[in-house]
Amino acid sequence: MVVTEELQVYVVYATPQDEFILPMRVAPGTTIGQAIEGSGVLARYPDINLVTQPVGIYGKKKTLDTVLRERDRVEIYRSLVADPKDSRRRRAAKKG
């Protein structure tokens, strides 16, 4: 009988007022979607919509069916409030 070690992963989500960071132990073969479901983040933040909001690992967008590896940090991304390029242009204009 082969005993497989569980993986240590993290599920994270942040709002302007709060942050959610949950270290989890998951079975090998667990997907991003399964980890998010098991983390409780969807109950705590009911406005999360996994159909429209992108997810990723360490800043790189991934799909919900991506299989996790040891120490992956699963991130749920929110929509940007402002376009970063427009914000940069406004700051540059103020300096000039």
Foldseek 3Di string as FASTA:
>chain_A
DDDFFWAWEWEWEDDPVDIDIDIDTHHFQQFQLNCVVVPCVCVVPVVQDLVPWFKDWPPDTDHRNHTDDHHTYIYTDDDDPDDPVVVVVVVVVVVD
